[in-house]
Amino acid sequence: MNFELLIPVTLFVCIAYAIKVVVDARVRKQLVSSNGSPELVASILRADETNRRLSSLRWGITLVMLALGFGIVEAAGWQEVTPGVIAVLVGAVGLGNLASFAAARKLG
């Protein structure tokens, strides 16, 4: 594996995530200090928390399905990247997204 490429990509992802966290915190601070109605602030914060929880659910289900796709590829003994292997992996991600959508509708 080419680790020289992995380090700059990881650095970029970390910087982007840090910027997102700072911007989200600043928006929350301004929302609370804007003298808006307490009900509005509470409902926005509740909706944000629900979105975060559902996002975690989506990523979890999608990654589990992707792991199952990799398991299928390994069990089938495929050693090379072929359109069939890509189709299995993309199909697993698609099924994960559909399953997370169904779970989110059932929970919400």
Protein backbone atom coordinates (compact mmCIF):
# COMPACT_ATOMS: atom_id res chain seq x y z
CA MET A 1 0.00 0.00 0.00
CA ASN A 2 1.21 3.50 -0.79
CA PHE A 3 1.34 5.15 2.65
CA GLU A 4 2.87 8.36 1.26
CA LEU A 5 -0.53 9.16 -0.25
CA LEU A 6 -2.49 8.20 2.86
CA ILE A 7 -0.91 10.82 5.13
CA PRO A 8 -1.95 13.95 3.15
CA VAL A 9 -5.46 12.58 2.59
CA THR A 10 -5.85 11.86 6.31
CA LEU A 11 -4.54 15.33 7.16
CA PHE A 12 -7.07 16.94 4.78
CA VAL A 13 -9.95 14.93 6.27
CA CYS A 14 -8.92 15.87 9.83
CA ILE A 15 -8.68 19.57 8.95
CA ALA A 16 -12.07 19.52 7.22
CA TYR A 17 -13.67 17.76 10.20
CA ALA A 18 -12.12 20.24 12.65
CA ILE A 19 -13.51 23.16 10.63
CA LYS A 20 -16.95 21.52 10.61
CA VAL A 21 -16.89 21.04 14.39
CA VAL A 22 -15.86 24.66 15.01
CA VAL A 23 -18.53 26.03 12.65
CA ASP A 24 -21.24 23.85 14.25
CA ALA A 25 -20.25 25.00 17.73
CA ARG A 26 -20.25 28.64 16.66
CA VAL A 27 -23.69 28.31 15.06
CA ARG A 28 -25.07 26.75 18.26
CA LYS A 29 -23.56 29.51 20.38
CA GLN A 30 -25.10 32.21 18.17
CA LEU A 31 -28.42 30.37 18.16
CA VAL A 32 -28.55 30.28 21.94
CA SER A 33 -27.41 33.89 22.36
CA SER A 34 -29.75 35.30 19.69
CA ASN A 35 -32.58 35.82 22.16
CA GLY A 36 -34.87 33.58 20.14
CA SER A 37 -37.77 31.80 21.69
CA PRO A 38 -36.67 28.95 23.95
CA GLU A 39 -39.07 26.56 22.22
CA LEU A 40 -37.51 27.28 18.83
CA VAL A 41 -33.97 26.80 20.14
CA ALA A 42 -34.95 23.57 21.91
CA SER A 43 -36.68 22.17 18.82
CA ILE A 44 -33.71 22.99 16.59
CA LEU A 45 -31.28 21.34 19.02
CA ARG A 46 -33.53 18.26 19.32
CA ALA A 47 -33.74 17.96 15.53
CA ASP A 48 -29.96 18.27 15.29
CA GLU A 49 -29.49 15.50 17.85
CA THR A 50 -31.95 13.26 16.01
CA ASN A 51 -30.14 13.86 12.73
CA ARG A 52 -26.84 12.95 14.35
CA ARG A 53 -28.26 9.74 15.76
CA LEU A 54 -29.80 8.74 12.45
CA SER A 55 -26.54 9.53 10.67
CA SER A 56 -24.71 7.15 12.99
CA LEU A 57 -27.34 4.50 12.32
CA ARG A 58 -26.96 4.98 8.57
CA TRP A 59 -23.17 4.71 8.66
CA GLY A 60 -23.33 1.67 10.90
CA ILE A 61 -25.76 -0.25 8.74
CA THR A 62 -23.97 0.74 5.53
CA LEU A 63 -20.56 -0.31 6.84
CA VAL A 64 -21.92 -3.64 8.10
CA MET A 65 -23.42 -4.32 4.68
CA LEU A 66 -20.13 -3.35 3.01
CA ALA A 67 -18.31 -5.77 5.31
CA LEU A 68 -20.77 -8.48 4.25
CA GLY A 69 -20.02 -7.62 0.62
CA PHE A 70 -16.30 -8.00 1.24
CA GLY A 71 -17.04 -11.30 2.98
CA ILE A 72 -18.93 -12.51 -0.07
CA VAL A 73 -16.01 -11.52 -2.30
CA GLU A 74 -13.59 -13.37 -0.03
CA ALA A 75 -15.81 -16.46 0.26
CA ALA A 76 -16.19 -16.62 -3.52
CA GLY A 77 -12.40 -16.59 -3.85
CA TRP A 78 -12.24 -13.66 -6.22
CA GLN A 79 -8.67 -12.35 -6.32
CA GLU A 80 -8.90 -9.67 -9.00
CA VAL A 81 -11.03 -6.56 -9.26
CA THR A 82 -13.65 -7.33 -11.86
CA PRO A 83 -17.02 -5.77 -12.67
CA GLY A 84 -18.65 -8.58 -10.68
CA VAL A 85 -16.66 -7.73 -7.55
CA ILE A 86 -17.47 -4.04 -7.93
CA ALA A 87 -21.15 -4.92 -8.44
CA VAL A 88 -21.23 -6.97 -5.22
CA LEU A 89 -19.61 -4.16 -3.21
CA VAL A 90 -21.77 -1.39 -4.70
CA GLY A 91 -24.86 -3.56 -4.23
CA ALA A 92 -23.93 -4.11 -0.58
CA VAL A 93 -23.59 -0.35 -0.04
CA GLY A 94 -26.93 0.21 -1.78
CA LEU A 95 -28.63 -2.40 0.38
CA GLY A 96 -27.10 -0.82 3.46
CA ASN A 97 -28.49 2.58 2.49
CA LEU A 98 -31.92 1.10 1.82
CA ALA A 99 -31.89 -0.77 5.14
CA SER A 100 -30.86 2.39 7.00
CA PHE A 101 -33.64 4.34 5.26
CA ALA A 102 -36.17 1.72 6.33
CA ALA A 103 -34.84 1.74 9.90
CA ALA A 104 -34.93 5.55 10.04
CA ARG A 105 -38.56 5.61 8.84
CA LYS A 106 -39.49 3.01 11.43
CA LEU A 107 -37.73 4.90 14.25
CA GLY A 108 -38.80 8.38 13.21
